[in-house]
Amino acid sequence: MFDQALIEEALTLTIIGLSTAFSLLFFLSISIWIVGKLFADKSDQVPEGEVSQEERNKALAASIAVATLVEIHENSAILPTPVPR
């Protein structure tokens, strides 16, 4: 039904194609990482031991989310339940 040589050629080409694609992706990833390290703006880095404004904002957002969920959970007994239509 299928020619054995055709199947072998198809598998060989598939392996070569996938290997090429993933090799190029790996090379591009390493290249981007190296360029990022070489040209990183040193003024944006926060000294060790200090917390950046972005980290403070994330912590504040997380604490607000937790407080909101706790408040909703505590008051959920008095909230009306939706009536199915």
PDB file of N, CA and C in Angstrom:
ATOM      1  N   MET A   1       0.823  -1.182   0.000  1.00  0.00           N
ATOM      2  CA  MET A   1       0.000   0.000   0.000  1.00  0.00           C
ATOM      3  C   MET A   1       0.880   1.264   0.000  1.00  0.00           C
ATOM      4  N   PHE A   2       1.777   1.371   0.980  1.00  0.00           N
ATOM      5  CA  PHE A   2       2.709   2.492   1.023  1.00  0.00           C
ATOM      6  C   PHE A   2       4.096   2.007   0.645  1.00  0.00           C
ATOM      7  N   ASP A   3       4.816   2.829  -0.074  1.00  0.00           N
ATOM      8  CA  ASP A   3       6.173   2.483  -0.471  1.00  0.00           C
ATOM      9  C   ASP A   3       7.102   2.735   0.711  1.00  0.00           C
ATOM     10  N   GLN A   4       7.887   1.744   1.084  1.00  0.00           N
ATOM     11  CA  GLN A   4       8.789   1.842   2.233  1.00  0.00           C
ATOM     12  C   GLN A   4       9.801   2.976   2.053  1.00  0.00           C
ATOM     13  N   ALA A   5      10.317   3.154   0.860  1.00  0.00           N
ATOM     14  CA  ALA A   5      11.293   4.215   0.590  1.00  0.00           C
ATOM     15  C   ALA A   5      10.657   5.594   0.760  1.00  0.00           C
ATOM     16  N   LEU A   6       9.393   5.727   0.365  1.00  0.00           N
ATOM     17  CA  LEU A   6       8.686   6.997   0.498  1.00  0.00           C
ATOM     18  C   LEU A   6       8.478   7.349   1.974  1.00  0.00           C
ATOM     19  N   ILE A   7       8.121   6.364   2.774  1.00  0.00           N
ATOM     20  CA  ILE A   7       7.925   6.584   4.206  1.00  0.00           C
ATOM     21  C   ILE A   7       9.244   6.968   4.873  1.00  0.00           C
ATOM     22  N   GLU A   8      10.322   6.284   4.519  1.00  0.00           N
ATOM     23  CA  GLU A   8      11.628   6.615   5.098  1.00  0.00           C
ATOM     24  C   GLU A   8      12.055   8.022   4.720  1.00  0.00           C
ATOM     25  N   GLU A   9      11.824   8.411   3.467  1.00  0.00           N
ATOM     26  CA  GLU A   9      12.185   9.763   3.037  1.00  0.00           C
ATOM     27  C   GLU A   9      11.341  10.812   3.768  1.00  0.00           C
ATOM     28  N   ALA A  10      10.058  10.516   3.956  1.00  0.00           N
ATOM     29  CA  ALA A  10       9.179  11.443   4.663  1.00  0.00           C
ATOM     30  C   ALA A  10       9.628  11.625   6.114  1.00  0.00           C
ATOM     31  N   LEU A  11       9.982  10.539   6.771  1.00  0.00           N
ATOM     32  CA  LEU A  11      10.454  10.629   8.160  1.00  0.00           C
ATOM     33  C   LEU A  11      11.778  11.374   8.247  1.00  0.00           C
ATOM     34  N   THR A  12      12.665  11.120   7.305  1.00  0.00           N
ATOM     35  CA  THR A  12      13.957  11.805   7.288  1.00  0.00           C
ATOM     36  C   THR A  12      13.765  13.306   7.110  1.00  0.00           C
ATOM     37  N   LEU A  13      12.928  13.697   6.161  1.00  0.00           N
ATOM     38  CA  LEU A  13      12.672  15.112   5.931  1.00  0.00           C
ATOM     39  C   LEU A  13      11.979  15.766   7.123  1.00  0.00           C
ATOM     40  N   THR A  14      11.096  15.045   7.779  1.00  0.00           N
ATOM     41  CA  THR A  14      10.425  15.571   8.964  1.00  0.00           C
ATOM     42  C   THR A  14      11.421  15.820  10.081  1.00  0.00           C
ATOM     43  N   ILE A  15      12.298  14.869  10.313  1.00  0.00           N
ATOM     44  CA  ILE A  15      13.310  15.016  11.366  1.00  0.00           C
ATOM     45  C   ILE A  15      14.255  16.170  11.046  1.00  0.00           C
ATOM     46  N   ILE A  16      14.670  16.272   9.796  1.00  0.00           N
ATOM     47  CA  ILE A  16      15.569  17.375   9.404  1.00  0.00           C
ATOM     48  C   ILE A  16      14.860  18.713   9.577  1.00  0.00           C
ATOM     49  N   GLY A  17      13.618  18.803   9.168  1.00  0.00           N
ATOM     50  CA  GLY A  17      12.861  20.053   9.279  1.00  0.00           C
ATOM     51  C   GLY A  17      12.643  20.471  10.719  1.00  0.00           C
ATOM     52  N   LEU A  18      12.232  19.538  11.565  1.00  0.00           N
ATOM     53  CA  LEU A  18      12.020  19.858  12.974  1.00  0.00           C
ATOM     54  C   LEU A  18      13.325  20.236  13.666  1.00  0.00           C
ATOM     55  N   SER A  19      14.384  19.518  13.359  1.00  0.00           N
ATOM     56  CA  SER A  19      15.687  19.840  13.943  1.00  0.00           C
ATOM     57  C   SER A  19      16.136  21.236  13.537  1.00  0.00           C
ATOM     58  N   THR A  20      15.956  21.569  12.282  1.00  0.00           N
ATOM     59  CA  THR A  20      16.329  22.897  11.800  1.00  0.00           C
ATOM     60  C   THR A  20      15.505  23.982  12.494  1.00  0.00           C
ATOM     61  N   ALA A  21      14.212  23.779  12.593  1.00  0.00           N
ATOM     62  CA  ALA A  21      13.336  24.780  13.211  1.00  0.00           C
ATOM     63  C   ALA A  21      13.705  25.006  14.671  1.00  0.00           C
ATOM     64  N   PHE A  22      13.860  23.941  15.432  1.00  0.00           N
ATOM     65  CA  PHE A  22      14.175  24.102  16.850  1.00  0.00           C
ATOM     66  C   PHE A  22      15.588  24.624  17.067  1.00  0.00           C
ATOM     67  N   SER A  23      16.513  24.286  16.183  1.00  0.00           N
ATOM     68  CA  SER A  23      17.866  24.836  16.287  1.00  0.00           C
ATOM     69  C   SER A  23      17.855  26.342  16.063  1.00  0.00           C
ATOM     70  N   LEU A  24      17.099  26.789  15.063  1.00  0.00           N
ATOM     71  CA  LEU A  24      16.999  28.230  14.808  1.00  0.00           C
ATOM     72  C   LEU A  24      16.311  28.956  15.967  1.00  0.00           C
ATOM     73  N   LEU A  25      15.261  28.367  16.524  1.00  0.00           N
ATOM     74  CA  LEU A  25      14.590  28.978  17.670  1.00  0.00           C
ATOM     75  C   LEU A  25      15.535  29.080  18.866  1.00  0.00           C
ATOM     76  N   PHE A  26      16.303  28.045  19.103  1.00  0.00           N
ATOM     77  CA  PHE A  26      17.261  28.055  20.202  1.00  0.00           C
ATOM     78  C   PHE A  26      18.323  29.120  19.969  1.00  0.00           C
ATOM     79  N   PHE A  27      18.851  29.203  18.748  1.00  0.00           N
ATOM     80  CA  PHE A  27      19.861  30.200  18.409  1.00  0.00           C
ATOM     81  C   PHE A  27      19.309  31.615  18.580  1.00  0.00           C
ATOM     82  N   LEU A  28      18.077  31.860  18.140  1.00  0.00           N
ATOM     83  CA  LEU A  28      17.473  33.177  18.301  1.00  0.00           C
ATOM     84  C   LEU A  28      17.254  33.512  19.769  1.00  0.00           C
ATOM     85  N   SER A  29      16.835  32.546  20.561  1.00  0.00           N
ATOM     86  CA  SER A  29      16.626  32.784  21.991  1.00  0.00           C
ATOM     87  C   SER A  29      17.929  33.163  22.681  1.00  0.00           C
ATOM     88  N   ILE A  30      18.987  32.428  22.386  1.00  0.00           N
ATOM     89  CA  ILE A  30      20.289  32.732  22.982  1.00  0.00           C
ATOM     90  C   ILE A  30      20.789  34.096  22.516  1.00  0.00           C
ATOM     91  N   SER A  31      20.585  34.405  21.235  1.00  0.00           N
ATOM     92  CA  SER A  31      21.014  35.699  20.696  1.00  0.00           C
ATOM     93  C   SER A  31      20.278  36.849  21.376  1.00  0.00           C
ATOM     94  N   ILE A  32      18.986  36.727  21.546  1.00  0.00           N
ATOM     95  CA  ILE A  32      18.204  37.768  22.210  1.00  0.00           C
ATOM     96  C   ILE A  32      18.643  37.931  23.655  1.00  0.00           C
ATOM     97  N   TRP A  33      18.911  36.836  24.338  1.00  0.00           N
ATOM     98  CA  TRP A  33      19.355  36.903  25.730  1.00  0.00           C
ATOM     99  C   TRP A  33      20.708  37.622  25.829  1.00  0.00           C
ATOM    100  N   ILE A  34      21.624  37.294  24.931  1.00  0.00           N
ATOM    101  CA  ILE A  34      22.957  37.918  24.946  1.00  0.00           C
ATOM    102  C   ILE A  34      22.853  39.416  24.653  1.00  0.00           C
ATOM    103  N   VAL A  35      22.075  39.781  23.647  1.00  0.00           N
ATOM    104  CA  VAL A  35      21.912  41.197  23.315  1.00  0.00           C
ATOM    105  C   VAL A  35      21.258  41.938  24.485  1.00  0.00           C
ATOM    106  N   GLY A  36      20.307  41.315  25.137  1.00  0.00           N
ATOM    107  CA  GLY A  36      19.671  41.928  26.301  1.00  0.00           C
ATOM    108  C   GLY A  36      20.654  42.165  27.431  1.00  0.00           C
ATOM    109  N   LYS A  37      21.548  41.226  27.649  1.00  0.00           N
ATOM    110  CA  LYS A  37      22.556  41.384  28.703  1.00  0.00           C
ATOM    111  C   LYS A  37      23.583  42.447  28.324  1.00  0.00           C
ATOM    112  N   LEU A  38      23.966  42.514  27.064  1.00  0.00           N
ATOM    113  CA  LEU A  38      24.980  43.471  26.631  1.00  0.00           C
ATOM    114  C   LEU A  38      24.475  44.909  26.661  1.00  0.00           C
ATOM    115  N   PHE A  39      23.220  45.107  26.257  1.00  0.00           N
ATOM    116  CA  PHE A  39      22.703  46.460  26.115  1.00  0.00           C
ATOM    117  C   PHE A  39      21.678  46.820  27.185  1.00  0.00           C
ATOM    118  N   ALA A  40      21.688  46.126  28.306  1.00  0.00           N
ATOM    119  CA  ALA A  40      20.751  46.418  29.388  1.00  0.00           C
ATOM    120  C   ALA A  40      21.057  47.789  29.975  1.00  0.00           C
ATOM    121  N   ASP A  41      20.009  48.538  30.267  1.00  0.00           N
ATOM    122  CA  ASP A  41      20.159  49.870  30.853  1.00  0.00           C
ATOM    123  C   ASP A  41      20.443  49.701  32.346  1.00  0.00           C
ATOM    124  N   LYS A  42      21.624  50.085  32.750  1.00  0.00           N
ATOM    125  CA  LYS A  42      22.044  49.893  34.141  1.00  0.00           C
ATOM    126  C   LYS A  42      21.296  50.826  35.097  1.00  0.00           C
ATOM    127  N   SER A  43      20.740  51.938  34.602  1.00  0.00           N
ATOM    128  CA  SER A  43      20.054  52.880  35.487  1.00  0.00           C
ATOM    129  C   SER A  43      18.710  52.347  35.953  1.00  0.00           C
ATOM    130  N   ASP A  44      18.138  51.368  35.237  1.00  0.00           N
ATOM    131  CA  ASP A  44      16.851  50.808  35.621  1.00  0.00           C
ATOM    132  C   ASP A  44      16.961  49.774  36.735  1.00  0.00           C
ATOM    133  N   GLN A  45      18.163  49.322  37.011  1.00  0.00           N
ATOM    134  CA  GLN A  45      18.333  48.268  37.997  1.00  0.00           C
ATOM    135  C   GLN A  45      18.264  48.854  39.406  1.00  0.00           C
ATOM    136  N   VAL A  46      17.573  48.145  40.278  1.00  0.00           N
ATOM    137  CA  VAL A  46      17.409  48.566  41.664  1.00  0.00           C
ATOM    138  C   VAL A  46      18.557  47.982  42.478  1.00  0.00           C
ATOM    139  N   PRO A  47      19.178  48.781  43.359  1.00  0.00           N
ATOM    140  CA  PRO A  47      20.248  48.229  44.202  1.00  0.00           C
ATOM    141  C   PRO A  47      19.739  47.061  45.040  1.00  0.00           C
ATOM    142  N   GLU A  48      20.637  46.155  45.334  1.00  0.00           N
ATOM    143  CA  GLU A  48      20.264  44.956  46.075  1.00  0.00           C
ATOM    144  C   GLU A  48      19.766  45.337  47.464  1.00  0.00           C
ATOM    145  N   GLY A  49      18.693  44.696  47.887  1.00  0.00           N
ATOM    146  CA  GLY A  49      18.133  44.969  49.208  1.00  0.00           C
ATOM    147  C   GLY A  49      16.987  45.962  49.154  1.00  0.00           C
ATOM    148  N   GLU A  50      16.823  46.694  48.063  1.00  0.00           N
ATOM    149  CA  GLU A  50      15.731  47.638  47.923  1.00  0.00           C
ATOM    150  C   GLU A  50      14.639  47.024  47.051  1.00  0.00           C
ATOM    151  N   VAL A  51      13.413  47.489  47.255  1.00  0.00           N
ATOM    152  CA  VAL A  51      12.276  46.982  46.504  1.00  0.00           C
ATOM    153  C   VAL A  51      11.900  48.026  45.454  1.00  0.00           C
ATOM    154  N   SER A  52      11.718  47.572  44.219  1.00  0.00           N
ATOM    155  CA  SER A  52      11.361  48.503  43.147  1.00  0.00           C
ATOM    156  C   SER A  52       9.900  48.934  43.271  1.00  0.00           C
ATOM    157  N   GLN A  53       9.559  49.997  42.596  1.00  0.00           N
ATOM    158  CA  GLN A  53       8.183  50.497  42.610  1.00  0.00           C
ATOM    159  C   GLN A  53       7.236  49.476  41.986  1.00  0.00           C
ATOM    160  N   GLU A  54       7.702  48.773  40.956  1.00  0.00           N
ATOM    161  CA  GLU A  54       6.865  47.761  40.313  1.00  0.00           C
ATOM    162  C   GLU A  54       6.539  46.627  41.287  1.00  0.00           C
ATOM    163  N   GLU A  55       7.529  46.198  42.066  1.00  0.00           N
ATOM    164  CA  GLU A  55       7.280  45.134  43.042  1.00  0.00           C
ATOM    165  C   GLU A  55       6.321  45.611  44.127  1.00  0.00           C
ATOM    166  N   ARG A  56       6.447  46.860  44.529  1.00  0.00           N
ATOM    167  CA  ARG A  56       5.511  47.412  45.521  1.00  0.00           C
ATOM    168  C   ARG A  56       4.088  47.438  44.959  1.00  0.00           C
ATOM    169  N   ASN A  57       3.963  47.845  43.696  1.00  0.00           N
ATOM    170  CA  ASN A  57       2.633  47.889  43.077  1.00  0.00           C
ATOM    171  C   ASN A  57       2.020  46.495  42.972  1.00  0.00           C
ATOM    172  N   LYS A  58       2.832  45.495  42.632  1.00  0.00           N
ATOM    173  CA  LYS A  58       2.329  44.123  42.556  1.00  0.00           C
ATOM    174  C   LYS A  58       1.886  43.624  43.923  1.00  0.00           C
ATOM    175  N   ALA A  59       2.660  43.930  44.952  1.00  0.00           N
ATOM    176  CA  ALA A  59       2.308  43.513  46.303  1.00  0.00           C
ATOM    177  C   ALA A  59       1.021  44.201  46.754  1.00  0.00           C
ATOM    178  N   LEU A  60       0.872  45.483  46.434  1.00  0.00           N
ATOM    179  CA  LEU A  60      -0.338  46.213  46.795  1.00  0.00           C
ATOM    180  C   LEU A  60      -1.550  45.639  46.077  1.00  0.00           C
ATOM    181  N   ALA A  61      -1.403  45.344  44.792  1.00  0.00           N
ATOM    182  CA  ALA A  61      -2.510  44.764  44.029  1.00  0.00           C
ATOM    183  C   ALA A  61      -2.905  43.398  44.593  1.00  0.00           C
ATOM    184  N   ALA A  62      -1.931  42.601  44.969  1.00  0.00           N
ATOM    185  CA  ALA A  62      -2.221  41.281  45.538  1.00  0.00           C
ATOM    186  C   ALA A  62      -2.951  41.407  46.867  1.00  0.00           C
ATOM    187  N   SER A  63      -2.520  42.339  47.709  1.00  0.00           N
ATOM    188  CA  SER A  63      -3.168  42.497  49.016  1.00  0.00           C
ATOM    189  C   SER A  63      -4.594  43.020  48.854  1.00  0.00           C
ATOM    190  N   ILE A  64      -4.828  43.914  47.882  1.00  0.00           N
ATOM    191  CA  ILE A  64      -6.182  44.400  47.634  1.00  0.00           C
ATOM    192  C   ILE A  64      -7.068  43.266  47.127  1.00  0.00           C
ATOM    193  N   ALA A  65      -6.538  42.426  46.247  1.00  0.00           N
ATOM    194  CA  ALA A  65      -7.312  41.298  45.730  1.00  0.00           C
ATOM    195  C   ALA A  65      -7.688  40.325  46.836  1.00  0.00           C
ATOM    196  N   VAL A  66      -6.752  40.031  47.722  1.00  0.00           N
ATOM    197  CA  VAL A  66      -7.030  39.101  48.823  1.00  0.00           C
ATOM    198  C   VAL A  66      -8.060  39.701  49.768  1.00  0.00           C
ATOM    199  N   ALA A  67      -7.897  40.971  50.101  1.00  0.00           N
ATOM    200  CA  ALA A  67      -8.853  41.617  51.002  1.00  0.00           C
ATOM    201  C   ALA A  67     -10.249  41.636  50.387  1.00  0.00           C
ATOM    202  N   THR A  68     -10.344  41.868  49.099  1.00  0.00           N
ATOM    203  CA  THR A  68     -11.638  41.876  48.414  1.00  0.00           C
ATOM    204  C   THR A  68     -12.270  40.489  48.437  1.00  0.00           C
ATOM    205  N   LEU A  69     -11.484  39.464  48.159  1.00  0.00           N
ATOM    206  CA  LEU A  69     -12.019  38.099  48.181  1.00  0.00           C
ATOM    207  C   LEU A  69     -12.467  37.681  49.569  1.00  0.00           C
ATOM    208  N   VAL A  70     -11.717  38.072  50.586  1.00  0.00           N
ATOM    209  CA  VAL A  70     -12.112  37.746  51.966  1.00  0.00           C
ATOM    210  C   VAL A  70     -13.419  38.437  52.303  1.00  0.00           C
ATOM    211  N   GLU A  71     -13.545  39.704  51.924  1.00  0.00           N
ATOM    212  CA  GLU A  71     -14.774  40.456  52.193  1.00  0.00           C
ATOM    213  C   GLU A  71     -15.960  39.832  51.475  1.00  0.00           C
ATOM    214  N   ILE A  72     -15.782  39.440  50.221  1.00  0.00           N
ATOM    215  CA  ILE A  72     -16.864  38.803  49.475  1.00  0.00           C
ATOM    216  C   ILE A  72     -17.244  37.474  50.125  1.00  0.00           C
ATOM    217  N   HIS A  73     -16.236  36.710  50.538  1.00  0.00           N
ATOM    218  CA  HIS A  73     -16.508  35.408  51.162  1.00  0.00           C
ATOM    219  C   HIS A  73     -17.258  35.574  52.478  1.00  0.00           C
ATOM    220  N   GLU A  74     -16.861  36.547  53.277  1.00  0.00           N
ATOM    221  CA  GLU A  74     -17.517  36.758  54.571  1.00  0.00           C
ATOM    222  C   GLU A  74     -18.949  37.240  54.398  1.00  0.00           C
ATOM    223  N   ASN A  75     -19.234  37.991  53.361  1.00  0.00           N
ATOM    224  CA  ASN A  75     -20.571  38.535  53.144  1.00  0.00           C
ATOM    225  C   ASN A  75     -21.394  37.719  52.160  1.00  0.00           C
ATOM    226  N   SER A  76     -20.885  36.593  51.716  1.00  0.00           N
ATOM    227  CA  SER A  76     -21.599  35.821  50.714  1.00  0.00           C
ATOM    228  C   SER A  76     -22.882  35.203  51.236  1.00  0.00           C
ATOM    229  N   ALA A  77     -22.997  35.024  52.557  1.00  0.00           N
ATOM    230  CA  ALA A  77     -24.203  34.435  53.131  1.00  0.00           C
ATOM    231  C   ALA A  77     -25.404  35.385  52.996  1.00  0.00           C
ATOM    232  N   ILE A  78     -25.156  36.674  52.945  1.00  0.00           N
ATOM    233  CA  ILE A  78     -26.242  37.626  52.863  1.00  0.00           C
ATOM    234  C   ILE A  78     -26.521  38.088  51.434  1.00  0.00           C
ATOM    235  N   LEU A  79     -25.722  37.649  50.491  1.00  0.00           N
ATOM    236  CA  LEU A  79     -25.950  38.037  49.113  1.00  0.00           C
ATOM    237  C   LEU A  79     -27.088  37.200  48.525  1.00  0.00           C
ATOM    238  N   PRO A  80     -27.965  37.816  47.714  1.00  0.00           N
ATOM    239  CA  PRO A  80     -29.036  37.027  47.106  1.00  0.00           C
ATOM    240  C   PRO A  80     -28.482  36.067  46.076  1.00  0.00           C
ATOM    241  N   THR A  81     -29.095  34.933  45.982  1.00  0.00           N
ATOM    242  CA  THR A  81     -28.683  33.951  44.988  1.00  0.00           C
ATOM    243  C   THR A  81     -29.489  34.173  43.717  1.00  0.00           C
ATOM    244  N   PRO A  82     -28.874  34.012  42.569  1.00  0.00           N
ATOM    245  CA  PRO A  82     -29.609  34.231  41.313  1.00  0.00           C
ATOM    246  C   PRO A  82     -30.699  33.173  41.125  1.00  0.00           C
ATOM    247  N   VAL A  83     -31.792  33.607  40.576  1.00  0.00           N
ATOM    248  CA  VAL A  83     -32.918  32.701  40.320  1.00  0.00           C
ATOM    249  C   VAL A  83     -32.801  32.179  38.905  1.00  0.00           C
ATOM    250  N   PRO A  84     -32.807  30.850  38.738  1.00  0.00           N
ATOM    251  CA  PRO A  84     -32.707  30.301  37.382  1.00  0.00           C
ATOM    252  C   PRO A  84     -33.970  30.656  36.573  1.00  0.00           C
ATOM    253  N   ARG A  85     -33.784  30.897  35.298  1.00  0.00           N
ATOM    254  CA  ARG A  85     -34.911  31.285  34.420  1.00  0.00           C
ATOM    255  C   ARG A  85     -35.463  30.108  33.698  1.00  0.00           C
TER     256      ARG A  85
END
